[in-house]
Amino acid sequence: MTSALARAYQEFTFKAEYAYDYGMPQSLARFDHMFSGLHLERMFLGRHKLLHFRVWYRDQLSQYVREVLLDPRTLSRPYLEPKTVETLVNGHLKLGMNYTTAIHKLLTLELLHRQFVDAR
């Protein structure tokens, strides 16, 4: 019974860490944002993986995300819709939404563009 309980705990913490980081539904992300001062992420993050971009983008990297993604160069790219980018960034940083995957893609796309297209 002890091993089954340990396995259930392990599974729960693994799924909770994923949900807290990448897979958090928008409704829970807003709740988490409201209570971000309590640092509830400490209960789950870091048990199974090291990188936790949802919280980092929202807190420690928020200025970087703003500087890169809301930069006029970024917003002028022909393949991006500026209002959508602004909505995603502001939703994640200010409104407690979870746009981690979209922010990953946008940052990657913009940094590649700056490195390989603008550098020419």
N, C-alpha and C. Protein backbone atom coordinates (compact mmCIF):
# COMPACT_ATOMS: atom_id res chain seq x y z
N MET A 1 0.82 -1.21 0.00
CA MET A 1 0.00 0.00 0.00
C MET A 1 0.86 1.26 0.00
N THR A 2 1.98 1.22 0.66
CA THR A 2 2.85 2.39 0.73
C THR A 2 3.37 2.78 -0.64
N SER A 3 3.77 1.79 -1.44
CA SER A 3 4.28 2.10 -2.77
C SER A 3 3.17 2.66 -3.67
N ALA A 4 1.97 2.17 -3.52
CA ALA A 4 0.85 2.69 -4.31
C ALA A 4 0.55 4.13 -3.92
N LEU A 5 0.64 4.42 -2.64
CA LEU A 5 0.41 5.78 -2.16
C LEU A 5 1.52 6.72 -2.64
N ALA A 6 2.76 6.23 -2.60
CA ALA A 6 3.89 7.02 -3.08
C ALA A 6 3.76 7.28 -4.58
N ARG A 7 3.33 6.28 -5.32
CA ARG A 7 3.14 6.44 -6.76
C ARG A 7 2.02 7.45 -7.06
N ALA A 8 0.93 7.36 -6.32
CA ALA A 8 -0.18 8.29 -6.51
C ALA A 8 0.27 9.73 -6.20
N TYR A 9 1.04 9.89 -5.15
CA TYR A 9 1.57 11.21 -4.80
C TYR A 9 2.48 11.73 -5.90
N GLN A 10 3.35 10.86 -6.40
CA GLN A 10 4.28 11.22 -7.47
C GLN A 10 3.51 11.66 -8.73
N GLU A 11 2.50 10.91 -9.09
CA GLU A 11 1.69 11.24 -10.26
C GLU A 11 0.96 12.56 -10.07
N PHE A 12 0.41 12.75 -8.88
CA PHE A 12 -0.31 13.99 -8.59
C PHE A 12 0.62 15.20 -8.70
N THR A 13 1.79 15.12 -8.08
CA THR A 13 2.71 16.27 -8.13
C THR A 13 3.21 16.52 -9.54
N PHE A 14 3.41 15.46 -10.32
CA PHE A 14 3.84 15.63 -11.71
C PHE A 14 2.77 16.36 -12.51
N LYS A 15 1.54 15.92 -12.39
CA LYS A 15 0.44 16.54 -13.14
C LYS A 15 0.17 17.96 -12.63
N ALA A 16 0.28 18.16 -11.33
CA ALA A 16 0.06 19.50 -10.77
C ALA A 16 1.14 20.46 -11.24
N GLU A 17 2.38 20.00 -11.34
CA GLU A 17 3.46 20.85 -11.82
C GLU A 17 3.23 21.23 -13.28
N TYR A 18 2.83 20.28 -14.09
CA TYR A 18 2.53 20.58 -15.50
C TYR A 18 1.38 21.58 -15.58
N ALA A 19 0.32 21.33 -14.83
CA ALA A 19 -0.83 22.22 -14.86
C ALA A 19 -0.46 23.61 -14.36
N TYR A 20 0.37 23.68 -13.34
CA TYR A 20 0.75 24.97 -12.80
C TYR A 20 1.62 25.75 -13.77
N ASP A 21 2.38 25.05 -14.57
CA ASP A 21 3.30 25.72 -15.47
C ASP A 21 2.67 25.93 -16.84
N TYR A 22 2.66 24.95 -17.68
CA TYR A 22 2.19 25.09 -19.06
C TYR A 22 0.69 24.91 -19.22
N GLY A 23 0.14 23.94 -18.55
CA GLY A 23 -1.22 23.53 -18.84
C GLY A 23 -2.29 24.14 -17.97
N MET A 24 -1.99 25.21 -17.27
CA MET A 24 -2.99 25.80 -16.39
C MET A 24 -4.13 26.41 -17.21
N PRO A 25 -5.35 25.97 -16.94
CA PRO A 25 -6.51 26.54 -17.65
C PRO A 25 -6.63 28.04 -17.34
N GLN A 26 -7.21 28.80 -18.27
CA GLN A 26 -7.32 30.24 -18.09
C GLN A 26 -8.05 30.61 -16.81
N SER A 27 -9.08 29.87 -16.46
CA SER A 27 -9.84 30.21 -15.25
C SER A 27 -8.98 30.07 -14.00
N LEU A 28 -8.14 29.05 -13.95
CA LEU A 28 -7.25 28.89 -12.80
C LEU A 28 -6.07 29.85 -12.86
N ALA A 29 -5.63 30.20 -14.05
CA ALA A 29 -4.52 31.16 -14.18
C ALA A 29 -4.92 32.51 -13.60
N ARG A 30 -6.13 32.92 -13.81
CA ARG A 30 -6.62 34.19 -13.23
C ARG A 30 -6.63 34.10 -11.71
N PHE A 31 -7.10 32.98 -11.18
CA PHE A 31 -7.12 32.77 -9.73
C PHE A 31 -5.69 32.81 -9.19
N ASP A 32 -4.77 32.13 -9.86
CA ASP A 32 -3.39 32.11 -9.44
C ASP A 32 -2.79 33.52 -9.46
N HIS A 33 -3.13 34.30 -10.49
CA HIS A 33 -2.63 35.67 -10.60
C HIS A 33 -3.11 36.52 -9.42
N MET A 34 -4.36 36.34 -9.03
CA MET A 34 -4.90 37.11 -7.90
C MET A 34 -4.16 36.82 -6.61
N PHE A 35 -3.71 35.56 -6.46
CA PHE A 35 -3.04 35.15 -5.24
C PHE A 35 -1.54 34.95 -5.42
N SER A 36 -0.97 35.62 -6.42
CA SER A 36 0.46 35.43 -6.73
C SER A 36 1.36 35.82 -5.56
N GLY A 37 0.91 36.71 -4.73
CA GLY A 37 1.70 37.11 -3.56
C GLY A 37 1.91 35.99 -2.56
N LEU A 38 1.06 34.99 -2.60
CA LEU A 38 1.20 33.85 -1.69
C LEU A 38 2.22 32.83 -2.18
N HIS A 39 2.64 32.97 -3.45
CA HIS A 39 3.62 32.06 -4.06
C HIS A 39 3.21 30.59 -3.93
N LEU A 40 1.98 30.31 -4.34
CA LEU A 40 1.46 28.94 -4.30
C LEU A 40 2.26 27.99 -5.18
N GLU A 41 2.98 28.55 -6.18
CA GLU A 41 3.78 27.72 -7.08
C GLU A 41 4.85 26.94 -6.33
N ARG A 42 5.25 27.40 -5.17
CA ARG A 42 6.29 26.71 -4.40
C ARG A 42 5.87 25.29 -3.98
N MET A 43 4.56 25.06 -3.91
CA MET A 43 4.08 23.73 -3.53
C MET A 43 4.32 22.70 -4.63
N PHE A 44 4.40 23.15 -5.90
CA PHE A 44 4.46 22.21 -7.01
C PHE A 44 5.69 22.33 -7.89
N LEU A 45 6.11 23.56 -8.19
CA LEU A 45 7.19 23.75 -9.15
C LEU A 45 8.54 23.29 -8.60
N GLY A 46 9.31 22.65 -9.47
CA GLY A 46 10.64 22.21 -9.11
C GLY A 46 10.74 20.78 -8.64
N ARG A 47 9.65 20.09 -8.56
CA ARG A 47 9.68 18.69 -8.11
C ARG A 47 10.08 17.73 -9.23
N HIS A 48 9.74 18.07 -10.47
CA HIS A 48 9.99 17.16 -11.58
C HIS A 48 10.76 17.78 -12.73
N LYS A 49 10.71 19.08 -12.85
CA LYS A 49 11.46 19.73 -13.93
C LYS A 49 11.99 21.07 -13.44
N LEU A 50 12.92 21.62 -14.21
CA LEU A 50 13.62 22.81 -13.75
C LEU A 50 13.11 24.11 -14.34
N LEU A 51 12.49 24.07 -15.49
CA LEU A 51 12.11 25.28 -16.20
C LEU A 51 10.62 25.56 -16.04
N HIS A 52 10.30 26.77 -15.60
CA HIS A 52 8.91 27.12 -15.31
C HIS A 52 8.58 28.48 -15.91
N PHE A 53 8.42 28.48 -17.22
CA PHE A 53 8.30 29.72 -17.96
C PHE A 53 7.04 30.51 -17.68
N ARG A 54 5.93 29.87 -17.36
CA ARG A 54 4.70 30.63 -17.12
C ARG A 54 4.92 31.64 -16.00
N VAL A 55 5.45 31.18 -14.90
CA VAL A 55 5.69 32.06 -13.76
C VAL A 55 6.84 33.03 -14.07
N TRP A 56 7.89 32.56 -14.72
CA TRP A 56 9.01 33.43 -15.05
C TRP A 56 8.57 34.56 -15.98
N TYR A 57 7.80 34.22 -17.03
CA TYR A 57 7.33 35.26 -17.94
C TYR A 57 6.47 36.28 -17.20
N ARG A 58 5.67 35.80 -16.29
CA ARG A 58 4.76 36.68 -15.55
C ARG A 58 5.52 37.57 -14.55
N ASP A 59 6.58 37.03 -13.95
CA ASP A 59 7.26 37.75 -12.88
C ASP A 59 8.66 38.22 -13.29
N GLN A 60 9.65 37.35 -13.17
CA GLN A 60 11.04 37.73 -13.35
C GLN A 60 11.37 38.21 -14.77
N LEU A 61 10.75 37.64 -15.79
CA LEU A 61 11.06 37.98 -17.18
C LEU A 61 10.01 38.89 -17.81
N SER A 62 9.12 39.44 -17.03
CA SER A 62 8.03 40.24 -17.60
C SER A 62 8.55 41.46 -18.36
N GLN A 63 9.54 42.14 -17.83
CA GLN A 63 10.09 43.31 -18.53
C GLN A 63 10.73 42.91 -19.85
N TYR A 64 11.45 41.79 -19.87
CA TYR A 64 12.08 41.29 -21.09
C TYR A 64 11.02 40.95 -22.14
N VAL A 65 9.97 40.26 -21.73
CA VAL A 65 8.88 39.89 -22.64
C VAL A 65 8.27 41.14 -23.24
N ARG A 66 8.01 42.16 -22.41
CA ARG A 66 7.47 43.42 -22.90
C ARG A 66 8.42 44.09 -23.90
N GLU A 67 9.70 44.17 -23.52
CA GLU A 67 10.67 44.86 -24.37
C GLU A 67 10.81 44.21 -25.74
N VAL A 68 10.79 42.89 -25.78
CA VAL A 68 10.97 42.20 -27.06
C VAL A 68 9.68 42.16 -27.86
N LEU A 69 8.60 41.70 -27.24
CA LEU A 69 7.38 41.46 -28.01
C LEU A 69 6.55 42.71 -28.29
N LEU A 70 6.69 43.73 -27.47
CA LEU A 70 5.93 44.96 -27.72
C LEU A 70 6.78 46.04 -28.39
N ASP A 71 7.98 45.66 -28.77
CA ASP A 71 8.86 46.55 -29.50
C ASP A 71 8.24 46.85 -30.87
N PRO A 72 8.35 48.10 -31.35
CA PRO A 72 7.78 48.43 -32.67
C PRO A 72 8.32 47.55 -33.80
N ARG A 73 9.59 47.13 -33.70
CA ARG A 73 10.12 46.23 -34.75
C ARG A 73 9.34 44.93 -34.77
N THR A 74 9.10 44.37 -33.60
CA THR A 74 8.37 43.10 -33.52
C THR A 74 6.95 43.28 -34.06
N LEU A 75 6.29 44.32 -33.61
CA LEU A 75 4.90 44.54 -33.99
C LEU A 75 4.73 44.90 -35.47
N SER A 76 5.83 45.26 -36.13
CA SER A 76 5.74 45.60 -37.55
C SER A 76 6.00 44.42 -38.47
N ARG A 77 6.27 43.24 -37.92
CA ARG A 77 6.53 42.07 -38.75
C ARG A 77 5.27 41.76 -39.57
N PRO A 78 5.44 41.45 -40.86
CA PRO A 78 4.26 41.22 -41.71
C PRO A 78 3.49 39.95 -41.36
N TYR A 79 4.11 39.04 -40.65
CA TYR A 79 3.44 37.78 -40.31
C TYR A 79 2.80 37.80 -38.93
N LEU A 80 2.83 38.94 -38.25
CA LEU A 80 2.21 39.05 -36.93
C LEU A 80 1.06 40.05 -36.97
N GLU A 81 0.09 39.79 -36.15
CA GLU A 81 -1.03 40.71 -35.95
C GLU A 81 -0.74 41.48 -34.66
N PRO A 82 -0.37 42.76 -34.75
CA PRO A 82 0.07 43.51 -33.56
C PRO A 82 -0.91 43.48 -32.40
N LYS A 83 -2.19 43.63 -32.67
CA LYS A 83 -3.18 43.64 -31.58
C LYS A 83 -3.23 42.29 -30.87
N THR A 84 -3.06 41.22 -31.62
CA THR A 84 -3.06 39.89 -31.01
C THR A 84 -1.84 39.71 -30.11
N VAL A 85 -0.69 40.15 -30.58
CA VAL A 85 0.53 40.06 -29.77
C VAL A 85 0.35 40.86 -28.49
N GLU A 86 -0.15 42.08 -28.60
CA GLU A 86 -0.37 42.91 -27.43
C GLU A 86 -1.36 42.27 -26.46
N THR A 87 -2.42 41.68 -27.00
CA THR A 87 -3.42 41.01 -26.17
C THR A 87 -2.80 39.83 -25.42
N LEU A 88 -1.99 39.03 -26.11
CA LEU A 88 -1.35 37.89 -25.46
C LEU A 88 -0.39 38.34 -24.36
N VAL A 89 0.46 39.29 -24.67
CA VAL A 89 1.45 39.75 -23.69
C VAL A 89 0.75 40.37 -22.48
N ASN A 90 -0.16 41.29 -22.72
CA ASN A 90 -0.86 41.94 -21.60
C ASN A 90 -1.74 40.96 -20.83
N GLY A 91 -2.35 40.03 -21.53
CA GLY A 91 -3.16 39.02 -20.86
C GLY A 91 -2.33 38.16 -19.93
N HIS A 92 -1.15 37.77 -20.37
CA HIS A 92 -0.28 36.92 -19.55
C HIS A 92 0.33 37.71 -18.39
N LEU A 93 0.78 38.92 -18.66
CA LEU A 93 1.50 39.68 -17.65
C LEU A 93 0.61 40.43 -16.67
N LYS A 94 -0.52 40.93 -17.14
CA LYS A 94 -1.36 41.77 -16.29
C LYS A 94 -2.65 41.12 -15.84
N LEU A 95 -3.23 40.28 -16.69
CA LEU A 95 -4.57 39.76 -16.41
C LEU A 95 -4.57 38.34 -15.86
N GLY A 96 -3.39 37.74 -15.75
CA GLY A 96 -3.31 36.40 -15.19
C GLY A 96 -3.72 35.29 -16.13
N MET A 97 -3.68 35.54 -17.42
CA MET A 97 -4.00 34.48 -18.37
C MET A 97 -2.76 33.62 -18.58
N ASN A 98 -2.93 32.46 -19.20
CA ASN A 98 -1.80 31.57 -19.46
C ASN A 98 -1.55 31.46 -20.96
N TYR A 99 -0.60 32.25 -21.44
CA TYR A 99 -0.21 32.22 -22.85
C TYR A 99 1.25 31.81 -22.99
N THR A 100 1.70 30.93 -22.13
CA THR A 100 3.10 30.51 -22.12
C THR A 100 3.56 29.98 -23.47
N THR A 101 2.82 29.08 -24.05
CA THR A 101 3.22 28.47 -25.32
C THR A 101 3.27 29.51 -26.43
N ALA A 102 2.29 30.39 -26.50
CA ALA A 102 2.28 31.43 -27.52
C ALA A 102 3.45 32.39 -27.33
N ILE A 103 3.75 32.75 -26.09
CA ILE A 103 4.88 33.64 -25.83
C ILE A 103 6.19 32.96 -26.21
N HIS A 104 6.31 31.66 -25.91
CA HIS A 104 7.49 30.90 -26.37
C HIS A 104 7.68 31.05 -27.88
N LYS A 105 6.61 30.79 -28.61
CA LYS A 105 6.68 30.83 -30.07
C LYS A 105 7.01 32.23 -30.58
N LEU A 106 6.35 33.24 -30.01
CA LEU A 106 6.60 34.61 -30.45
C LEU A 106 8.03 35.05 -30.17
N LEU A 107 8.52 34.74 -28.97
CA LEU A 107 9.90 35.10 -28.64
C LEU A 107 10.89 34.41 -29.56
N THR A 108 10.67 33.12 -29.78
CA THR A 108 11.57 32.37 -30.65
C THR A 108 11.56 32.94 -32.06
N LEU A 109 10.38 33.19 -32.59
CA LEU A 109 10.25 33.74 -33.93
C LEU A 109 10.93 35.10 -34.05
N GLU A 110 10.70 35.95 -33.07
CA GLU A 110 11.27 37.30 -33.13
C GLU A 110 12.79 37.27 -32.97
N LEU A 111 13.28 36.47 -32.05
CA LEU A 111 14.73 36.42 -31.85
C LEU A 111 15.44 35.80 -33.05
N LEU A 112 14.82 34.81 -33.69
CA LEU A 112 15.38 34.26 -34.92
C LEU A 112 15.37 35.30 -36.04
N HIS A 113 14.29 36.04 -36.13
CA HIS A 113 14.19 37.08 -37.16
C HIS A 113 15.29 38.12 -36.96
N ARG A 114 15.48 38.55 -35.73
CA ARG A 114 16.52 39.55 -35.45
C ARG A 114 17.92 39.01 -35.75
N GLN A 115 18.14 37.75 -35.41
CA GLN A 115 19.46 37.15 -35.60
C GLN A 115 19.79 36.88 -37.06
N PHE A 116 18.83 36.36 -37.81
CA PHE A 116 19.13 35.89 -39.16
C PHE A 116 18.61 36.77 -40.29
N VAL A 117 17.53 37.50 -40.08
CA VAL A 117 16.99 38.34 -41.15
C VAL A 117 17.46 39.79 -40.98
N ASP A 118 17.28 40.34 -39.81
CA ASP A 118 17.70 41.73 -39.58
C ASP A 118 19.21 41.89 -39.61
N ALA A 119 19.94 40.86 -39.29
CA ALA A 119 21.40 40.93 -39.21
C ALA A 119 22.06 41.11 -40.58
N ARG A 120 21.32 40.79 -41.64
CA ARG A 120 21.90 40.91 -43.00
C ARG A 120 22.14 42.32 -43.40
